[in-house]
Amino acid sequence: MKDEIILTIGWVTAIQGGLGAAGRHFGDGPWGLLHRWWDVPTTGYLAILLVGAVLAVAGESAKRRARA
């Protein structure tokens, strides 16, 4: 259960970071929900994407270890 929560948080975080960075690069402003609460620079969105990806990978590997 804990692994699935970490996995979900990782995916949501990575998606929000990716949307923010992509919106700043390709659109008029960041996409997603984070820009509604905080003014995050592009490098911040990339860091959020990286943290989310690390959490998602950690959640996936923990889930696989639990199955084995």
C-alpha atoms as a PDB file:
ATOM      1  CA  MET A   1       0.000   0.000   0.000  1.00  0.00           C
ATOM      2  CA  LYS A   2       2.797   2.431   0.931  1.00  0.00           C
ATOM      3  CA  ASP A   3       4.610   1.671  -2.326  1.00  0.00           C
ATOM      4  CA  GLU A   4       1.502   2.452  -4.361  1.00  0.00           C
ATOM      5  CA  ILE A   5       1.077   5.789  -2.593  1.00  0.00           C
ATOM      6  CA  ILE A   6       4.709   6.728  -3.297  1.00  0.00           C
ATOM      7  CA  LEU A   7       4.248   5.614  -6.899  1.00  0.00           C
ATOM      8  CA  THR A   8       1.097   7.730  -7.338  1.00  0.00           C
ATOM      9  CA  ILE A   9       2.653  10.793  -5.727  1.00  0.00           C
ATOM     10  CA  GLY A  10       5.681  10.363  -7.974  1.00  0.00           C
ATOM     11  CA  TRP A  11       3.619  10.181 -11.149  1.00  0.00           C
ATOM     12  CA  VAL A  12       1.458  13.184 -10.226  1.00  0.00           C
ATOM     13  CA  THR A  13       4.524  15.215  -9.243  1.00  0.00           C
ATOM     14  CA  ALA A  14       6.374  14.322 -12.438  1.00  0.00           C
ATOM     15  CA  ILE A  15       3.353  15.198 -14.579  1.00  0.00           C
ATOM     16  CA  GLN A  16       2.930  18.567 -12.861  1.00  0.00           C
ATOM     17  CA  GLY A  17       6.621  19.355 -13.299  1.00  0.00           C
ATOM     18  CA  GLY A  18       6.518  18.312 -16.947  1.00  0.00           C
ATOM     19  CA  LEU A  19       3.398  20.333 -17.650  1.00  0.00           C
ATOM     20  CA  GLY A  20       4.856  23.413 -16.006  1.00  0.00           C
ATOM     21  CA  ALA A  21       8.128  23.211 -17.912  1.00  0.00           C
ATOM     22  CA  ALA A  22       6.421  22.402 -21.226  1.00  0.00           C
ATOM     23  CA  GLY A  23       3.936  25.234 -20.797  1.00  0.00           C
ATOM     24  CA  ARG A  24       6.714  27.721 -20.126  1.00  0.00           C
ATOM     25  CA  HIS A  25       8.707  26.475 -23.114  1.00  0.00           C
ATOM     26  CA  PHE A  26       5.969  25.878 -25.700  1.00  0.00           C
ATOM     27  CA  GLY A  27       3.055  28.000 -24.466  1.00  0.00           C
ATOM     28  CA  ASP A  28       2.284  31.371 -22.948  1.00  0.00           C
ATOM     29  CA  GLY A  29       2.681  30.151 -19.389  1.00  0.00           C
ATOM     30  CA  PRO A  30       2.915  27.038 -17.251  1.00  0.00           C
ATOM     31  CA  TRP A  31       0.251  24.357 -17.481  1.00  0.00           C
ATOM     32  CA  GLY A  32      -1.015  22.199 -14.630  1.00  0.00           C
ATOM     33  CA  LEU A  33      -2.044  23.214 -11.127  1.00  0.00           C
ATOM     34  CA  LEU A  34       1.122  24.426  -9.430  1.00  0.00           C
ATOM     35  CA  HIS A  35       1.144  27.827 -11.135  1.00  0.00           C
ATOM     36  CA  ARG A  36      -2.184  28.622  -9.491  1.00  0.00           C
ATOM     37  CA  TRP A  37      -0.574  28.557  -6.030  1.00  0.00           C
ATOM     38  CA  TRP A  38       3.108  29.371  -6.571  1.00  0.00           C
ATOM     39  CA  ASP A  39       5.240  31.209  -9.105  1.00  0.00           C
ATOM     40  CA  VAL A  40       7.752  28.503  -9.958  1.00  0.00           C
ATOM     41  CA  PRO A  41      10.611  29.186 -12.393  1.00  0.00           C
ATOM     42  CA  THR A  42      11.294  26.793 -15.269  1.00  0.00           C
ATOM     43  CA  THR A  43      14.257  25.209 -13.497  1.00  0.00           C
ATOM     44  CA  GLY A  44      11.979  24.605 -10.509  1.00  0.00           C
ATOM     45  CA  TYR A  45       9.510  22.768 -12.721  1.00  0.00           C
ATOM     46  CA  LEU A  46      12.353  20.646 -14.093  1.00  0.00           C
ATOM     47  CA  ALA A  47      13.473  19.846 -10.544  1.00  0.00           C
ATOM     48  CA  ILE A  48       9.886  18.876  -9.652  1.00  0.00           C
ATOM     49  CA  LEU A  49       9.812  16.633 -12.728  1.00  0.00           C
ATOM     50  CA  LEU A  50      13.064  14.979 -11.641  1.00  0.00           C
ATOM     51  CA  VAL A  51      11.889  14.421  -8.057  1.00  0.00           C
ATOM     52  CA  GLY A  52       8.621  12.952  -9.323  1.00  0.00           C
ATOM     53  CA  ALA A  53      10.443  10.628 -11.693  1.00  0.00           C
ATOM     54  CA  VAL A  54      12.722   9.421  -8.883  1.00  0.00           C
ATOM     55  CA  LEU A  55       9.706   8.751  -6.649  1.00  0.00           C
ATOM     56  CA  ALA A  56       7.897   6.914  -9.444  1.00  0.00           C
ATOM     57  CA  VAL A  57      10.912   4.716 -10.171  1.00  0.00           C
ATOM     58  CA  ALA A  58      11.377   4.012  -6.452  1.00  0.00           C
ATOM     59  CA  GLY A  59       7.700   3.106  -6.116  1.00  0.00           C
ATOM     60  CA  GLU A  60       7.828   0.802  -9.142  1.00  0.00           C
ATOM     61  CA  SER A  61      10.962  -0.974  -7.941  1.00  0.00           C
ATOM     62  CA  ALA A  62       9.530  -1.420  -4.427  1.00  0.00           C
ATOM     63  CA  LYS A  63       6.330  -2.819  -5.909  1.00  0.00           C
ATOM     64  CA  ARG A  64       8.311  -5.307  -7.997  1.00  0.00           C
ATOM     65  CA  ARG A  65      10.395  -6.339  -4.980  1.00  0.00           C
ATOM     66  CA  ALA A  66       7.229  -6.947  -2.965  1.00  0.00           C
ATOM     67  CA  ARG A  67       5.848  -9.226  -5.690  1.00  0.00           C
ATOM     68  CA  ALA A  68       9.040 -11.291  -5.911  1.00  0.00           C
END
